[in-house]
Amino acid sequence: MLPITEPVASGWLEVGDGNAIWWEEAGNPDGAPALILHGGPGSGFSTWMRQFFDPRRYRIIGFDQRGCGRSTPHASGEGVDFSVITTAHLVADIERLRAHFGVDKWVIYGGSWGTTLGLAYAEAHPEHVAAMVFGGVTTTRRREIDWLYRGLAPLYPAEWERFVAGAPPGTPEDGLIAAYNDLLFDADPAVRNQAARDFHDWDNAAVSVAAQVGRPSDGVDPKRLLARSRIVTHVFRHAAWMEEGRLLANADRLRGIPGVLVQGRLDLQGPLVTAWELARAWPEAKLVVIDGAGHSAGDAGMPEAITAALDGFAGRDHR
């Protein structure tokens, strides 16, 4: 892996609706501009994501999407307006960031939810995208959400039993996301925090092929758990505010943009079929399948493939 360089600049950008998003810039200020889109939704930016980029060749920009990380207001707080945390708002925030940094075109890297957001942005603003690299491809179709919160159940029976038990008695399986979203805004902080932990444990049970020790929520900041769980259930409850299959149907807007899709064959959270369908709809995208890897960008073979793909786009003049 490449070294994780320290940021050369950071700050907040006002994006309207009372929101300010936190950003960091690292690498070479004269390098090829690149944007990192974190997953979740609501997981926040992590500095380890920069290690896929050669800091000598890339100008690396990362940010916390609305409601999470160091962006304000934080989704764990009281009275946060979730009506302005939507896919369309996040796409508009990316455009504001591009203008703020004076970038004409940039290379986009995203993982998991970051692929959904990256595709939505590129289809809205293809003229500002030089290339894209995605890992753990998702498009947030209802069929993908249903797989995550029902289809996976037979593979993790103990975790599923705990997840179902955390919802109000009698909640139908197709109503679990909405039920948890309601619990996460309960007046009782204890109810909210327990729901956040139960939701997070299921949401992360299958993220890696490596065995989990303990519960995934163990040791995680309760405020981060609450914010992330609120944002995930909010976005998925509304199927990311997109018609079913929209990103695949509009993939013709990506024509001329080169891309690489790095996908673990054993990815249970984002099964290979979605990346395969996207590669067929987007001929300029190369599908790289990593045998033995799951959804995590840290699974064996994933970091090397992502880094190699980004190296391939670093030499172009994207400004």
C-alpha atoms as a PDB file:
ATOM      1  CA  MET A   1       0.000   0.000   0.000  1.00  0.00           C
ATOM      2  CA  LEU A   2       1.037   3.593  -0.593  1.00  0.00           C
ATOM      3  CA  PRO A   3       1.842   5.917   2.335  1.00  0.00           C
ATOM      4  CA  ILE A   4      -1.000   7.814   3.996  1.00  0.00           C
ATOM      5  CA  THR A   5       0.188  11.389   3.662  1.00  0.00           C
ATOM      6  CA  GLU A   6      -0.894  14.174   5.964  1.00  0.00           C
ATOM      7  CA  PRO A   7      -3.432  16.682   4.606  1.00  0.00           C
ATOM      8  CA  VAL A   8      -2.036  19.905   3.199  1.00  0.00           C
ATOM      9  CA  ALA A   9      -5.307  21.765   3.793  1.00  0.00           C
ATOM     10  CA  SER A  10      -8.704  21.191   5.408  1.00  0.00           C
ATOM     11  CA  GLY A  11     -11.841  23.062   6.325  1.00  0.00           C
ATOM     12  CA  TRP A  12     -15.596  23.315   6.023  1.00  0.00           C
ATOM     13  CA  LEU A  13     -17.618  24.320   2.979  1.00  0.00           C
ATOM     14  CA  GLU A  14     -21.072  25.827   3.432  1.00  0.00           C
ATOM     15  CA  VAL A  15     -23.447  23.982   1.104  1.00  0.00           C
ATOM     16  CA  GLY A  16     -26.777  25.503   2.079  1.00  0.00           C
ATOM     17  CA  ASP A  17     -29.722  24.235   4.124  1.00  0.00           C
ATOM     18  CA  GLY A  18     -27.711  24.958   7.264  1.00  0.00           C
ATOM     19  CA  ASN A  19     -25.126  22.301   6.343  1.00  0.00           C
ATOM     20  CA  ALA A  20     -21.350  22.568   6.169  1.00  0.00           C
ATOM     21  CA  ILE A  21     -19.263  19.673   4.853  1.00  0.00           C
ATOM     22  CA  TRP A  22     -15.756  18.916   6.107  1.00  0.00           C
ATOM     23  CA  TRP A  23     -13.045  18.397   3.488  1.00  0.00           C
ATOM     24  CA  GLU A  24      -9.382  17.476   3.432  1.00  0.00           C
ATOM     25  CA  GLU A  25      -6.809  17.858   0.657  1.00  0.00           C
ATOM     26  CA  ALA A  26      -3.594  15.820   0.484  1.00  0.00           C
ATOM     27  CA  GLY A  27      -0.928  14.786  -1.999  1.00  0.00           C
ATOM     28  CA  ASN A  28       0.482  16.932  -4.790  1.00  0.00           C
ATOM     29  CA  PRO A  29      -1.380  20.243  -5.337  1.00  0.00           C
ATOM     30  CA  ASP A  30      -0.306  20.062  -9.000  1.00  0.00           C
ATOM     31  CA  GLY A  31      -1.280  16.412  -9.410  1.00  0.00           C
ATOM     32  CA  ALA A  32      -4.330  14.935 -11.114  1.00  0.00           C
ATOM     33  CA  PRO A  33      -7.404  15.960  -9.080  1.00  0.00           C
ATOM     34  CA  ALA A  34      -9.177  13.046  -7.419  1.00  0.00           C
ATOM     35  CA  LEU A  35     -12.261  12.804  -5.211  1.00  0.00           C
ATOM     36  CA  ILE A  36     -12.942  10.086  -2.646  1.00  0.00           C
ATOM     37  CA  LEU A  37     -16.573   9.151  -1.937  1.00  0.00           C
ATOM     38  CA  HIS A  38     -16.999   7.208   1.283  1.00  0.00           C
ATOM     39  CA  GLY A  39     -19.538   4.498   1.849  1.00  0.00           C
ATOM     40  CA  GLY A  40     -22.278   3.877   4.361  1.00  0.00           C
ATOM     41  CA  PRO A  41     -24.137   5.972   3.564  1.00  0.00           C
ATOM     42  CA  GLY A  42     -23.046   7.974   6.576  1.00  0.00           C
ATOM     43  CA  SER A  43     -19.789   6.179   7.423  1.00  0.00           C
ATOM     44  CA  GLY A  44     -17.689   9.308   6.992  1.00  0.00           C
ATOM     45  CA  PHE A  45     -14.312   9.824   5.360  1.00  0.00           C
ATOM     46  CA  SER A  46     -11.319   7.865   6.692  1.00  0.00           C
ATOM     47  CA  THR A  47      -7.707   8.766   6.048  1.00  0.00           C
ATOM     48  CA  TRP A  48      -6.880   5.154   5.077  1.00  0.00           C
ATOM     49  CA  MET A  49      -8.790   5.723   1.832  1.00  0.00           C
ATOM     50  CA  ARG A  50      -5.925   7.922   0.659  1.00  0.00           C
ATOM     51  CA  GLN A  51      -3.515   4.990   0.572  1.00  0.00           C
ATOM     52  CA  PHE A  52      -4.904   3.879  -2.795  1.00  0.00           C
ATOM     53  CA  PHE A  53      -3.507   7.075  -4.387  1.00  0.00           C
ATOM     54  CA  ASP A  54       0.087   7.923  -5.259  1.00  0.00           C
ATOM     55  CA  PRO A  55       0.540  11.233  -3.376  1.00  0.00           C
ATOM     56  CA  ARG A  56       3.214  12.334  -5.847  1.00  0.00           C
ATOM     57  CA  ARG A  57       0.809  12.100  -8.777  1.00  0.00           C
ATOM     58  CA  TYR A  58      -2.591  12.889  -7.276  1.00  0.00           C
ATOM     59  CA  ARG A  59      -4.233  15.861  -5.646  1.00  0.00           C
ATOM     60  CA  ILE A  60      -6.397  13.872  -3.220  1.00  0.00           C
ATOM     61  CA  ILE A  61      -9.643  15.375  -1.932  1.00  0.00           C
ATOM     62  CA  GLY A  62     -11.878  13.643   0.594  1.00  0.00           C
ATOM     63  CA  PHE A  63     -14.913  14.872   2.501  1.00  0.00           C
ATOM     64  CA  ASP A  64     -17.582  13.860   4.993  1.00  0.00           C
ATOM     65  CA  GLN A  65     -20.997  13.697   3.370  1.00  0.00           C
ATOM     66  CA  ARG A  66     -23.879  15.531   5.027  1.00  0.00           C
ATOM     67  CA  GLY A  67     -24.666  14.508   8.583  1.00  0.00           C
ATOM     68  CA  CYS A  68     -21.568  12.440   9.337  1.00  0.00           C
ATOM     69  CA  GLY A  69     -17.929  12.697  10.338  1.00  0.00           C
ATOM     70  CA  ARG A  70     -16.973  16.296  11.003  1.00  0.00           C
ATOM     71  CA  SER A  71     -19.683  17.781   8.790  1.00  0.00           C
ATOM     72  CA  THR A  72     -22.388  19.763  10.539  1.00  0.00           C
ATOM     73  CA  PRO A  73     -25.032  19.362  11.756  1.00  0.00           C
ATOM     74  CA  HIS A  74     -24.249  15.820  12.915  1.00  0.00           C
ATOM     75  CA  ALA A  75     -27.024  13.295  12.289  1.00  0.00           C
ATOM     76  CA  SER A  76     -26.825  12.085  15.887  1.00  0.00           C
ATOM     77  CA  GLY A  77     -28.095  15.424  17.135  1.00  0.00           C
ATOM     78  CA  GLU A  78     -31.588  16.653  17.860  1.00  0.00           C
ATOM     79  CA  GLY A  79     -33.717  18.448  15.316  1.00  0.00           C
ATOM     80  CA  VAL A  80     -31.562  17.644  12.260  1.00  0.00           C
ATOM     81  CA  ASP A  81     -33.436  18.203   8.986  1.00  0.00           C
ATOM     82  CA  PHE A  82     -33.110  14.891   7.165  1.00  0.00           C
ATOM     83  CA  SER A  83     -35.202  16.145   4.257  1.00  0.00           C
ATOM     84  CA  VAL A  84     -32.031  17.851   2.961  1.00  0.00           C
ATOM     85  CA  ILE A  85     -29.951  14.674   3.167  1.00  0.00           C
ATOM     86  CA  THR A  86     -30.803  13.069  -0.165  1.00  0.00           C
ATOM     87  CA  THR A  87     -28.907  11.777  -3.161  1.00  0.00           C
ATOM     88  CA  ALA A  88     -29.685  14.955  -5.088  1.00  0.00           C
ATOM     89  CA  HIS A  89     -28.346  17.125  -2.255  1.00  0.00           C
ATOM     90  CA  LEU A  90     -25.138  15.079  -2.059  1.00  0.00           C
ATOM     91  CA  VAL A  91     -24.613  15.322  -5.834  1.00  0.00           C
ATOM     92  CA  ALA A  92     -25.034  19.104  -5.585  1.00  0.00           C
ATOM     93  CA  ASP A  93     -22.501  19.176  -2.725  1.00  0.00           C
ATOM     94  CA  ILE A  94     -19.934  17.432  -4.926  1.00  0.00           C
ATOM     95  CA  GLU A  95     -20.398  20.099  -7.582  1.00  0.00           C
ATOM     96  CA  ARG A  96     -19.894  22.811  -4.970  1.00  0.00           C
ATOM     97  CA  LEU A  97     -16.684  21.109  -3.891  1.00  0.00           C
ATOM     98  CA  ARG A  98     -15.465  20.952  -7.489  1.00  0.00           C
ATOM     99  CA  ALA A  99     -16.061  24.657  -7.931  1.00  0.00           C
ATOM    100  CA  HIS A 100     -14.456  25.394  -4.567  1.00  0.00           C
ATOM    101  CA  PHE A 101     -11.252  23.607  -5.606  1.00  0.00           C
ATOM    102  CA  GLY A 102     -11.267  25.022  -9.137  1.00  0.00           C
ATOM    103  CA  VAL A 103     -11.281  21.551 -10.711  1.00  0.00           C
ATOM    104  CA  ASP A 104     -12.489  21.034 -14.273  1.00  0.00           C
ATOM    105  CA  LYS A 105     -12.395  17.232 -14.295  1.00  0.00           C
ATOM    106  CA  TRP A 106     -11.467  14.771 -11.593  1.00  0.00           C
ATOM    107  CA  VAL A 107     -10.934  11.083 -11.069  1.00  0.00           C
ATOM    108  CA  ILE A 108     -13.559   9.635  -8.744  1.00  0.00           C
ATOM    109  CA  TYR A 109     -13.019   6.716  -6.386  1.00  0.00           C
ATOM    110  CA  GLY A 110     -15.825   5.280  -4.289  1.00  0.00           C
ATOM    111  CA  GLY A 111     -16.663   2.132  -2.401  1.00  0.00           C
ATOM    112  CA  SER A 112     -20.063   0.570  -1.667  1.00  0.00           C
ATOM    113  CA  TRP A 113     -22.530   3.485  -1.269  1.00  0.00           C
ATOM    114  CA  GLY A 114     -19.744   5.640  -2.709  1.00  0.00           C
ATOM    115  CA  THR A 115     -20.252   3.849  -6.026  1.00  0.00           C
ATOM    116  CA  THR A 116     -23.951   4.699  -6.053  1.00  0.00           C
ATOM    117  CA  LEU A 117     -23.198   8.342  -5.305  1.00  0.00           C
ATOM    118  CA  GLY A 118     -20.333   8.432  -7.817  1.00  0.00           C
ATOM    119  CA  LEU A 119     -22.522   7.035 -10.571  1.00  0.00           C
ATOM    120  CA  ALA A 120     -25.321   9.472  -9.748  1.00  0.00           C
ATOM    121  CA  TYR A 121     -22.866  12.374  -9.887  1.00  0.00           C
ATOM    122  CA  ALA A 122     -21.233  11.211 -13.124  1.00  0.00           C
ATOM    123  CA  GLU A 123     -24.563  10.729 -14.858  1.00  0.00           C
ATOM    124  CA  ALA A 124     -25.587  14.255 -13.812  1.00  0.00           C
ATOM    125  CA  HIS A 125     -22.222  15.889 -14.634  1.00  0.00           C
ATOM    126  CA  PRO A 126     -20.299  13.643 -17.067  1.00  0.00           C
ATOM    127  CA  GLU A 127     -18.362  16.623 -18.417  1.00  0.00           C
ATOM    128  CA  HIS A 128     -16.555  16.938 -15.090  1.00  0.00           C
ATOM    129  CA  VAL A 129     -15.516  13.292 -14.683  1.00  0.00           C
ATOM    130  CA  ALA A 130     -12.174  12.152 -16.094  1.00  0.00           C
ATOM    131  CA  ALA A 131     -12.301   8.523 -14.916  1.00  0.00           C
ATOM    132  CA  MET A 132     -13.833   6.410 -12.146  1.00  0.00           C
ATOM    133  CA  VAL A 133     -12.688   3.500  -9.993  1.00  0.00           C
ATOM    134  CA  PHE A 134     -15.217   1.715  -7.824  1.00  0.00           C
ATOM    135  CA  GLY A 135     -14.927  -1.126  -5.326  1.00  0.00           C
ATOM    136  CA  GLY A 136     -17.831  -3.133  -3.933  1.00  0.00           C
ATOM    137  CA  VAL A 137     -20.258  -1.856  -6.579  1.00  0.00           C
ATOM    138  CA  THR A 138     -23.819  -1.029  -5.551  1.00  0.00           C
ATOM    139  CA  THR A 139     -26.577   0.957  -7.261  1.00  0.00           C
ATOM    140  CA  THR A 140     -29.026   0.963  -4.309  1.00  0.00           C
ATOM    141  CA  ARG A 141     -31.904  -0.617  -6.175  1.00  0.00           C
ATOM    142  CA  ARG A 142     -34.740  -1.925  -4.028  1.00  0.00           C
ATOM    143  CA  ARG A 143     -33.744  -5.453  -4.998  1.00  0.00           C
ATOM    144  CA  GLU A 144     -30.251  -4.778  -3.602  1.00  0.00           C
ATOM    145  CA  ILE A 145     -31.680  -3.316  -0.392  1.00  0.00           C
ATOM    146  CA  ASP A 146     -34.016  -6.301  -0.025  1.00  0.00           C
ATOM    147  CA  TRP A 147     -31.047  -8.648  -0.409  1.00  0.00           C
ATOM    148  CA  LEU A 148     -29.158  -6.795   2.349  1.00  0.00           C
ATOM    149  CA  TYR A 149     -32.038  -6.844   4.815  1.00  0.00           C
ATOM    150  CA  ARG A 150     -33.738 -10.159   3.977  1.00  0.00           C
ATOM    151  CA  GLY A 151     -31.864 -12.188   1.391  1.00  0.00           C
ATOM    152  CA  LEU A 152     -28.718 -12.541   3.502  1.00  0.00           C
ATOM    153  CA  ALA A 153     -30.614 -13.943   6.486  1.00  0.00           C
ATOM    154  CA  PRO A 154     -29.948 -17.683   5.860  1.00  0.00           C
ATOM    155  CA  LEU A 155     -26.182 -17.051   5.786  1.00  0.00           C
ATOM    156  CA  TYR A 156     -26.112 -15.345   9.202  1.00  0.00           C
ATOM    157  CA  PRO A 157     -28.971 -16.903  11.209  1.00  0.00           C
ATOM    158  CA  ALA A 158     -27.789 -15.832  14.686  1.00  0.00           C
ATOM    159  CA  GLU A 159     -27.126 -12.252  13.593  1.00  0.00           C
ATOM    160  CA  TRP A 160     -30.443 -12.145  11.731  1.00  0.00           C
ATOM    161  CA  GLU A 161     -32.336 -13.385  14.774  1.00  0.00           C
ATOM    162  CA  ARG A 162     -30.816 -10.597  16.865  1.00  0.00           C
ATOM    163  CA  PHE A 163     -31.583  -8.018  14.152  1.00  0.00           C
ATOM    164  CA  VAL A 164     -35.256  -9.045  13.939  1.00  0.00           C
ATOM    165  CA  ALA A 165     -35.543  -9.147  17.725  1.00  0.00           C
ATOM    166  CA  GLY A 166     -34.381  -5.532  17.903  1.00  0.00           C
ATOM    167  CA  ALA A 167     -37.429  -4.331  15.965  1.00  0.00           C
ATOM    168  CA  PRO A 168     -40.894  -3.908  17.533  1.00  0.00           C
ATOM    169  CA  PRO A 169     -42.800  -7.231  17.860  1.00  0.00           C
ATOM    170  CA  GLY A 170     -44.753  -8.124  14.762  1.00  0.00           C
ATOM    171  CA  THR A 171     -42.661  -6.038  12.376  1.00  0.00           C
ATOM    172  CA  PRO A 172     -42.817  -7.697   8.931  1.00  0.00           C
ATOM    173  CA  GLU A 173     -39.467  -8.494   7.330  1.00  0.00           C
ATOM    174  CA  ASP A 174     -40.080  -5.990   4.558  1.00  0.00           C
ATOM    175  CA  GLY A 175     -40.693  -3.303   7.168  1.00  0.00           C
ATOM    176  CA  LEU A 176     -37.499  -3.664   9.199  1.00  0.00           C
ATOM    177  CA  ILE A 177     -35.686  -0.662   7.712  1.00  0.00           C
ATOM    178  CA  ALA A 178     -38.612   1.657   8.382  1.00  0.00           C
ATOM    179  CA  ALA A 179     -39.072   0.220  11.868  1.00  0.00           C
ATOM    180  CA  TYR A 180     -35.438   0.775  12.766  1.00  0.00           C
ATOM    181  CA  ASN A 181     -35.521   4.274  11.279  1.00  0.00           C
ATOM    182  CA  ASP A 182     -38.403   5.086  13.628  1.00  0.00           C
ATOM    183  CA  LEU A 183     -36.590   3.580  16.650  1.00  0.00           C
ATOM    184  CA  LEU A 184     -33.494   5.649  15.895  1.00  0.00           C
ATOM    185  CA  PHE A 185     -35.552   8.807  16.518  1.00  0.00           C
ATOM    186  CA  ASP A 186     -37.278   7.530  19.660  1.00  0.00           C
ATOM    187  CA  ALA A 187     -37.593  10.016  22.520  1.00  0.00           C
ATOM    188  CA  ASP A 188     -35.674   7.656  24.817  1.00  0.00           C
ATOM    189  CA  PRO A 189     -31.880   7.845  24.231  1.00  0.00           C
ATOM    190  CA  ALA A 190     -31.475   4.264  25.464  1.00  0.00           C
ATOM    191  CA  VAL A 191     -33.893   3.021  22.807  1.00  0.00           C
ATOM    192  CA  ARG A 192     -32.102   5.027  20.107  1.00  0.00           C
ATOM    193  CA  ASN A 193     -28.659   3.785  21.100  1.00  0.00           C
ATOM    194  CA  GLN A 194     -29.701   0.143  21.326  1.00  0.00           C
ATOM    195  CA  ALA A 195     -31.382   0.344  17.929  1.00  0.00           C
ATOM    196  CA  ALA A 196     -28.234   1.913  16.467  1.00  0.00           C
ATOM    197  CA  ARG A 197     -26.106  -0.901  17.831  1.00  0.00           C
ATOM    198  CA  ASP A 198     -28.483  -3.655  16.658  1.00  0.00           C
ATOM    199  CA  PHE A 199     -28.785  -2.131  13.203  1.00  0.00           C
ATOM    200  CA  HIS A 200     -25.034  -1.600  12.841  1.00  0.00           C
ATOM    201  CA  ASP A 201     -24.299  -5.189  13.888  1.00  0.00           C
ATOM    202  CA  TRP A 202     -26.481  -6.598  11.125  1.00  0.00           C
ATOM    203  CA  ASP A 203     -25.375  -4.019   8.582  1.00  0.00           C
ATOM    204  CA  ASN A 204     -21.730  -4.981   9.059  1.00  0.00           C
ATOM    205  CA  ALA A 205     -21.990  -8.714   9.725  1.00  0.00           C
ATOM    206  CA  ALA A 206     -21.076  -9.640   6.150  1.00  0.00           C
ATOM    207  CA  VAL A 207     -18.738  -6.796   5.175  1.00  0.00           C
ATOM    208  CA  SER A 208     -15.598  -8.968   5.010  1.00  0.00           C
ATOM    209  CA  VAL A 209     -14.691 -12.579   4.370  1.00  0.00           C
ATOM    210  CA  ALA A 210     -12.583 -12.404   7.562  1.00  0.00           C
ATOM    211  CA  ALA A 211     -14.317 -13.748  10.646  1.00  0.00           C
ATOM    212  CA  GLN A 212     -15.732 -11.150  13.056  1.00  0.00           C
ATOM    213  CA  VAL A 213     -14.685 -11.293  16.703  1.00  0.00           C
ATOM    214  CA  GLY A 214     -17.478 -10.026  18.921  1.00  0.00           C
ATOM    215  CA  ARG A 215     -20.168  -7.663  17.667  1.00  0.00           C
ATOM    216  CA  PRO A 216     -19.232  -5.160  14.915  1.00  0.00           C
ATOM    217  CA  SER A 217     -20.506  -2.329  17.109  1.00  0.00           C
ATOM    218  CA  ASP A 218     -18.134  -3.157  19.964  1.00  0.00           C
ATOM    219  CA  GLY A 219     -15.978  -0.156  20.770  1.00  0.00           C
ATOM    220  CA  VAL A 220     -17.581   2.140  18.169  1.00  0.00           C
ATOM    221  CA  ASP A 221     -18.481   5.671  19.267  1.00  0.00           C
ATOM    222  CA  PRO A 222     -22.252   5.652  20.041  1.00  0.00           C
ATOM    223  CA  LYS A 223     -22.710   9.013  18.282  1.00  0.00           C
ATOM    224  CA  ARG A 224     -21.144   7.607  15.126  1.00  0.00           C
ATOM    225  CA  LEU A 225     -23.353   4.507  15.353  1.00  0.00           C
ATOM    226  CA  LEU A 226     -26.475   6.617  15.751  1.00  0.00           C
ATOM    227  CA  ALA A 227     -25.622   9.016  12.924  1.00  0.00           C
ATOM    228  CA  ARG A 228     -24.644   6.272  10.510  1.00  0.00           C
ATOM    229  CA  SER A 229     -27.685   4.125  11.308  1.00  0.00           C
ATOM    230  CA  ARG A 230     -30.029   7.084  10.943  1.00  0.00           C
ATOM    231  CA  ILE A 231     -28.560   8.013   7.576  1.00  0.00           C
ATOM    232  CA  VAL A 232     -28.509   4.438   6.235  1.00  0.00           C
ATOM    233  CA  THR A 233     -32.126   3.757   7.183  1.00  0.00           C
ATOM    234  CA  HIS A 234     -33.203   7.183   5.919  1.00  0.00           C
ATOM    235  CA  VAL A 235     -31.577   6.659   2.516  1.00  0.00           C
ATOM    236  CA  PHE A 236     -32.609   3.027   2.123  1.00  0.00           C
ATOM    237  CA  ARG A 237     -36.150   3.667   3.344  1.00  0.00           C
ATOM    238  CA  HIS A 238     -36.499   5.932   0.310  1.00  0.00           C
ATOM    239  CA  ALA A 239     -34.444   3.732  -2.056  1.00  0.00           C
ATOM    240  CA  ALA A 240     -32.050   6.680  -2.501  1.00  0.00           C
ATOM    241  CA  TRP A 241     -34.881   8.694  -4.129  1.00  0.00           C
ATOM    242  CA  MET A 242     -34.261   7.013  -7.489  1.00  0.00           C
ATOM    243  CA  GLU A 243     -36.523   5.037  -9.772  1.00  0.00           C
ATOM    244  CA  GLU A 244     -35.650   1.337  -9.729  1.00  0.00           C
ATOM    245  CA  GLY A 245     -32.633   0.682 -11.923  1.00  0.00           C
ATOM    246  CA  ARG A 246     -32.118   4.333 -12.878  1.00  0.00           C
ATOM    247  CA  LEU A 247     -28.327   4.294 -12.689  1.00  0.00           C
ATOM    248  CA  LEU A 248     -28.056   1.271 -14.970  1.00  0.00           C
ATOM    249  CA  ALA A 249     -30.715   2.605 -17.341  1.00  0.00           C
ATOM    250  CA  ASN A 250     -28.846   5.916 -17.685  1.00  0.00           C
ATOM    251  CA  ALA A 251     -25.381   4.394 -18.036  1.00  0.00           C
ATOM    252  CA  ASP A 252     -25.225   5.685 -21.618  1.00  0.00           C
ATOM    253  CA  ARG A 253     -24.421   9.069 -20.036  1.00  0.00           C
ATOM    254  CA  LEU A 254     -21.088   7.573 -18.956  1.00  0.00           C
ATOM    255  CA  ARG A 255     -19.949   6.960 -22.526  1.00  0.00           C
ATOM    256  CA  GLY A 256     -16.429   8.201 -23.043  1.00  0.00           C
ATOM    257  CA  ILE A 257     -15.544   8.001 -19.347  1.00  0.00           C
ATOM    258  CA  PRO A 258     -13.068   5.193 -18.603  1.00  0.00           C
ATOM    259  CA  GLY A 259     -13.545   3.168 -15.454  1.00  0.00           C
ATOM    260  CA  VAL A 260     -12.507   0.130 -13.450  1.00  0.00           C
ATOM    261  CA  LEU A 261     -14.869  -1.900 -11.265  1.00  0.00           C
ATOM    262  CA  VAL A 262     -13.030  -3.921  -8.607  1.00  0.00           C
ATOM    263  CA  GLN A 263     -15.334  -6.565  -7.196  1.00  0.00           C
ATOM    264  CA  GLY A 264     -14.844  -9.401  -4.726  1.00  0.00           C
ATOM    265  CA  ARG A 265     -16.331 -12.634  -6.010  1.00  0.00           C
ATOM    266  CA  LEU A 266     -17.486 -13.418  -2.461  1.00  0.00           C
ATOM    267  CA  ASP A 267     -18.991  -9.959  -1.892  1.00  0.00           C
ATOM    268  CA  LEU A 268     -22.200 -10.687   0.028  1.00  0.00           C
ATOM    269  CA  GLN A 269     -23.237  -7.084   0.598  1.00  0.00           C
ATOM    270  CA  GLY A 270     -22.834  -6.090  -3.043  1.00  0.00           C
ATOM    271  CA  PRO A 271     -23.128  -9.316  -5.063  1.00  0.00           C
ATOM    272  CA  LEU A 272     -21.065  -9.496  -8.252  1.00  0.00           C
ATOM    273  CA  VAL A 273     -24.126  -9.405 -10.515  1.00  0.00           C
ATOM    274  CA  THR A 274     -24.546  -5.633 -10.059  1.00  0.00           C
ATOM    275  CA  ALA A 275     -20.970  -4.868 -11.140  1.00  0.00           C
ATOM    276  CA  TRP A 276     -21.388  -7.290 -14.053  1.00  0.00           C
ATOM    277  CA  GLU A 277     -24.598  -5.551 -15.157  1.00  0.00           C
ATOM    278  CA  LEU A 278     -22.939  -2.153 -14.874  1.00  0.00           C
ATOM    279  CA  ALA A 279     -19.956  -3.272 -16.954  1.00  0.00           C
ATOM    280  CA  ARG A 280     -22.311  -4.445 -19.695  1.00  0.00           C
ATOM    281  CA  ALA A 281     -24.178  -1.120 -19.648  1.00  0.00           C
ATOM    282  CA  TRP A 282     -20.943   0.928 -19.518  1.00  0.00           C
ATOM    283  CA  PRO A 283     -18.558  -0.496 -22.141  1.00  0.00           C
ATOM    284  CA  GLU A 284     -15.658   1.758 -21.117  1.00  0.00           C
ATOM    285  CA  ALA A 285     -15.588   0.115 -17.683  1.00  0.00           C
ATOM    286  CA  LYS A 286     -13.278  -2.828 -17.033  1.00  0.00           C
ATOM    287  CA  LEU A 287     -14.554  -5.383 -14.512  1.00  0.00           C
ATOM    288  CA  VAL A 288     -11.834  -6.836 -12.279  1.00  0.00           C
ATOM    289  CA  VAL A 289     -13.042  -9.757 -10.154  1.00  0.00           C
ATOM    290  CA  ILE A 290     -10.986 -10.656  -7.078  1.00  0.00           C
ATOM    291  CA  ASP A 291     -11.407 -14.316  -6.134  1.00  0.00           C
ATOM    292  CA  GLY A 292     -11.643 -14.866  -2.387  1.00  0.00           C
ATOM    293  CA  ALA A 293     -12.479 -11.231  -1.561  1.00  0.00           C
ATOM    294  CA  GLY A 294     -15.694  -9.870  -0.074  1.00  0.00           C
ATOM    295  CA  HIS A 295     -17.156  -6.380   0.227  1.00  0.00           C
ATOM    296  CA  SER A 296     -14.318  -4.843   2.204  1.00  0.00           C
ATOM    297  CA  ALA A 297     -11.715  -2.808   0.319  1.00  0.00           C
ATOM    298  CA  GLY A 298      -9.214  -4.334   2.718  1.00  0.00           C
ATOM    299  CA  ASP A 299      -9.836  -7.962   1.738  1.00  0.00           C
ATOM    300  CA  ALA A 300      -6.904  -9.742   0.110  1.00  0.00           C
ATOM    301  CA  GLY A 301      -6.349  -8.582  -3.461  1.00  0.00           C
ATOM    302  CA  MET A 302      -8.677  -5.589  -3.293  1.00  0.00           C
ATOM    303  CA  PRO A 303      -6.168  -2.878  -2.251  1.00  0.00           C
ATOM    304  CA  GLU A 304      -3.678  -3.887  -4.934  1.00  0.00           C
ATOM    305  CA  ALA A 305      -6.325  -3.880  -7.669  1.00  0.00           C
ATOM    306  CA  ILE A 306      -7.782  -0.521  -6.618  1.00  0.00           C
ATOM    307  CA  THR A 307      -4.325   1.048  -6.403  1.00  0.00           C
ATOM    308  CA  ALA A 308      -3.330  -0.317  -9.814  1.00  0.00           C
ATOM    309  CA  ALA A 309      -6.523   1.031 -11.378  1.00  0.00           C
ATOM    310  CA  LEU A 310      -5.963   4.505  -9.939  1.00  0.00           C
ATOM    311  CA  ASP A 311      -2.312   4.443 -11.000  1.00  0.00           C
ATOM    312  CA  GLY A 312      -3.529   3.889 -14.537  1.00  0.00           C
ATOM    313  CA  PHE A 313      -5.459   7.161 -14.523  1.00  0.00           C
ATOM    314  CA  ALA A 314      -2.919   9.329 -12.689  1.00  0.00           C
ATOM    315  CA  GLY A 315      -0.807  10.286 -15.699  1.00  0.00           C
ATOM    316  CA  ARG A 316      -3.569  12.026 -17.609  1.00  0.00           C
ATOM    317  CA  ASP A 317      -4.038  15.774 -17.635  1.00  0.00           C
ATOM    318  CA  HIS A 318      -7.470  16.170 -16.054  1.00  0.00           C
ATOM    319  CA  ARG A 319      -7.409  19.883 -15.368  1.00  0.00           C
END
